């Protein structure tokens, strides 16, 4: 394992010699340090961005629902034409 200089992240070096394998608790500690390092990089969206992203997702879901509904109606109509209505 090698310490990354700019932000202190711990990363595996590709060209480094094989080091001793970390024990179970050291691997857990390393994992938690890496999780916190990644969480520091997270940028929280502003309220305006959040509303815009939500609207985009809901709009996409509505469009996909309309497409699936339209295909369902089309297939029902086709099967009714092909097989007829049982009487």
C-alpha atoms as a PDB file:
ATOM      1  CA  UNK A   1       0.000   0.000   0.000  1.00  0.00           C
ATOM      2  CA  UNK A   2       1.228   3.493  -0.817  1.00  0.00           C
ATOM      3  CA  UNK A   3       0.113   6.859   0.581  1.00  0.00           C
ATOM      4  CA  UNK A   4      -1.124   9.238  -2.118  1.00  0.00           C
ATOM      5  CA  UNK A   5       0.635  12.597  -1.621  1.00  0.00           C
ATOM      6  CA  UNK A   6      -1.973  15.352  -2.312  1.00  0.00           C
ATOM      7  CA  UNK A   7      -4.830  14.214  -0.102  1.00  0.00           C
ATOM      8  CA  UNK A   8      -3.434  11.431   2.057  1.00  0.00           C
ATOM      9  CA  UNK A   9      -5.427   8.630   0.426  1.00  0.00           C
ATOM     10  CA  UNK A  10      -4.169   5.105   0.774  1.00  0.00           C
ATOM     11  CA  UNK A  11      -3.997   3.356  -2.593  1.00  0.00           C
ATOM     12  CA  UNK A  12      -2.356   0.255  -3.967  1.00  0.00           C
ATOM     13  CA  UNK A  13       0.730   0.914  -6.060  1.00  0.00           C
ATOM     14  CA  UNK A  14       0.834  -0.946  -9.360  1.00  0.00           C
ATOM     15  CA  UNK A  15       4.633  -1.221  -9.576  1.00  0.00           C
ATOM     16  CA  UNK A  16       5.348  -1.757  -5.893  1.00  0.00           C
ATOM     17  CA  UNK A  17       6.825  -4.956  -4.576  1.00  0.00           C
ATOM     18  CA  UNK A  18       4.446  -7.378  -2.917  1.00  0.00           C
ATOM     19  CA  UNK A  19       4.004  -6.372   0.709  1.00  0.00           C
ATOM     20  CA  UNK A  20       2.837  -8.433   3.653  1.00  0.00           C
ATOM     21  CA  UNK A  21      -0.933  -9.045   3.549  1.00  0.00           C
ATOM     22  CA  UNK A  22      -2.864  -6.967   6.060  1.00  0.00           C
ATOM     23  CA  UNK A  23      -4.730  -8.811   8.787  1.00  0.00           C
ATOM     24  CA  UNK A  24      -8.516  -8.730   9.091  1.00  0.00           C
ATOM     25  CA  UNK A  25      -8.739  -5.676  11.370  1.00  0.00           C
ATOM     26  CA  UNK A  26      -6.175  -3.710   9.358  1.00  0.00           C
ATOM     27  CA  UNK A  27      -8.176  -4.354   6.186  1.00  0.00           C
ATOM     28  CA  UNK A  28     -11.349  -3.123   7.903  1.00  0.00           C
ATOM     29  CA  UNK A  29      -9.527   0.007   9.123  1.00  0.00           C
ATOM     30  CA  UNK A  30      -8.143   0.610   5.622  1.00  0.00           C
ATOM     31  CA  UNK A  31     -11.608   0.189   4.124  1.00  0.00           C
ATOM     32  CA  UNK A  32     -13.114   2.688   6.580  1.00  0.00           C
ATOM     33  CA  UNK A  33     -10.329   5.213   5.871  1.00  0.00           C
ATOM     34  CA  UNK A  34     -10.961   4.857   2.145  1.00  0.00           C
ATOM     35  CA  UNK A  35     -14.725   5.275   2.647  1.00  0.00           C
ATOM     36  CA  UNK A  36     -14.184   8.517   4.565  1.00  0.00           C
ATOM     37  CA  UNK A  37     -11.738   9.725   1.902  1.00  0.00           C
ATOM     38  CA  UNK A  38     -14.364   9.121  -0.794  1.00  0.00           C
ATOM     39  CA  UNK A  39     -17.099  10.776   1.276  1.00  0.00           C
ATOM     40  CA  UNK A  40     -14.970  13.935   1.523  1.00  0.00           C
ATOM     41  CA  UNK A  41     -15.167  14.159  -2.292  1.00  0.00           C
ATOM     42  CA  UNK A  42     -18.988  14.160  -2.345  1.00  0.00           C
ATOM     43  CA  UNK A  43     -20.585  17.435  -3.398  1.00  0.00           C
ATOM     44  CA  UNK A  44     -24.117  18.045  -2.110  1.00  0.00           C
ATOM     45  CA  UNK A  45     -26.406  19.539  -4.786  1.00  0.00           C
ATOM     46  CA  UNK A  46     -28.108  22.863  -4.188  1.00  0.00           C
ATOM     47  CA  UNK A  47     -31.874  22.980  -3.709  1.00  0.00           C
ATOM     48  CA  UNK A  48     -32.359  24.219  -7.285  1.00  0.00           C
ATOM     49  CA  UNK A  49     -30.202  21.409  -8.700  1.00  0.00           C
ATOM     50  CA  UNK A  50     -32.011  18.854  -6.567  1.00  0.00           C
ATOM     51  CA  UNK A  51     -35.413  20.007  -7.821  1.00  0.00           C
ATOM     52  CA  UNK A  52     -34.179  19.997 -11.421  1.00  0.00           C
ATOM     53  CA  UNK A  53     -32.732  16.474 -11.108  1.00  0.00           C
ATOM     54  CA  UNK A  54     -35.936  15.239  -9.465  1.00  0.00           C
ATOM     55  CA  UNK A  55     -38.049  16.723 -12.267  1.00  0.00           C
ATOM     56  CA  UNK A  56     -35.833  15.095 -14.902  1.00  0.00           C
ATOM     57  CA  UNK A  57     -36.088  11.679 -13.226  1.00  0.00           C
ATOM     58  CA  UNK A  58     -39.866  11.923 -12.782  1.00  0.00           C
ATOM     59  CA  UNK A  59     -40.259  13.081 -16.394  1.00  0.00           C
ATOM     60  CA  UNK A  60     -38.196  10.148 -17.626  1.00  0.00           C
ATOM     61  CA  UNK A  61     -40.246   7.712 -15.531  1.00  0.00           C
ATOM     62  CA  UNK A  62     -43.512   9.127 -16.919  1.00  0.00           C
ATOM     63  CA  UNK A  63     -42.231   8.824 -20.500  1.00  0.00           C
ATOM     64  CA  UNK A  64     -41.119   5.221 -19.919  1.00  0.00           C
ATOM     65  CA  UNK A  65     -44.489   4.383 -18.318  1.00  0.00           C
ATOM     66  CA  UNK A  66     -46.261   5.824 -21.360  1.00  0.00           C
ATOM     67  CA  UNK A  67     -44.113   3.753 -23.719  1.00  0.00           C
ATOM     68  CA  UNK A  68     -44.741   0.542 -21.752  1.00  0.00           C
ATOM     69  CA  UNK A  69     -48.482   1.300 -21.538  1.00  0.00           C
ATOM     70  CA  UNK A  70     -48.617   1.988 -25.281  1.00  0.00           C
ATOM     71  CA  UNK A  71     -46.824  -1.270 -26.075  1.00  0.00           C
ATOM     72  CA  UNK A  72     -49.166  -3.148 -23.726  1.00  0.00           C
ATOM     73  CA  UNK A  73     -52.238  -1.732 -25.459  1.00  0.00           C
ATOM     74  CA  UNK A  74     -50.712  -2.502 -28.867  1.00  0.00           C
ATOM     75  CA  UNK A  75     -49.954  -6.117 -27.951  1.00  0.00           C
ATOM     76  CA  UNK A  76     -53.440  -6.618 -26.479  1.00  0.00           C
ATOM     77  CA  UNK A  77     -54.946  -5.273 -29.706  1.00  0.00           C
ATOM     78  CA  UNK A  78     -52.704  -7.509 -31.855  1.00  0.00           C
ATOM     79  CA  UNK A  79     -53.511 -10.643 -29.842  1.00  0.00           C
ATOM     80  CA  UNK A  80     -57.211  -9.813 -30.015  1.00  0.00           C
ATOM     81  CA  UNK A  81     -56.971  -9.521 -33.827  1.00  0.00           C
ATOM     82  CA  UNK A  82     -54.896 -12.692 -34.211  1.00  0.00           C
ATOM     83  CA  UNK A  83     -56.726 -14.976 -31.780  1.00  0.00           C
ATOM     84  CA  UNK A  84     -60.151 -13.332 -31.717  1.00  0.00           C
ATOM     85  CA  UNK A  85     -62.376 -12.644 -28.737  1.00  0.00           C
ATOM     86  CA  UNK A  86     -63.678 -15.820 -27.045  1.00  0.00           C
ATOM     87  CA  UNK A  87     -67.462 -15.960 -26.946  1.00  0.00           C
END
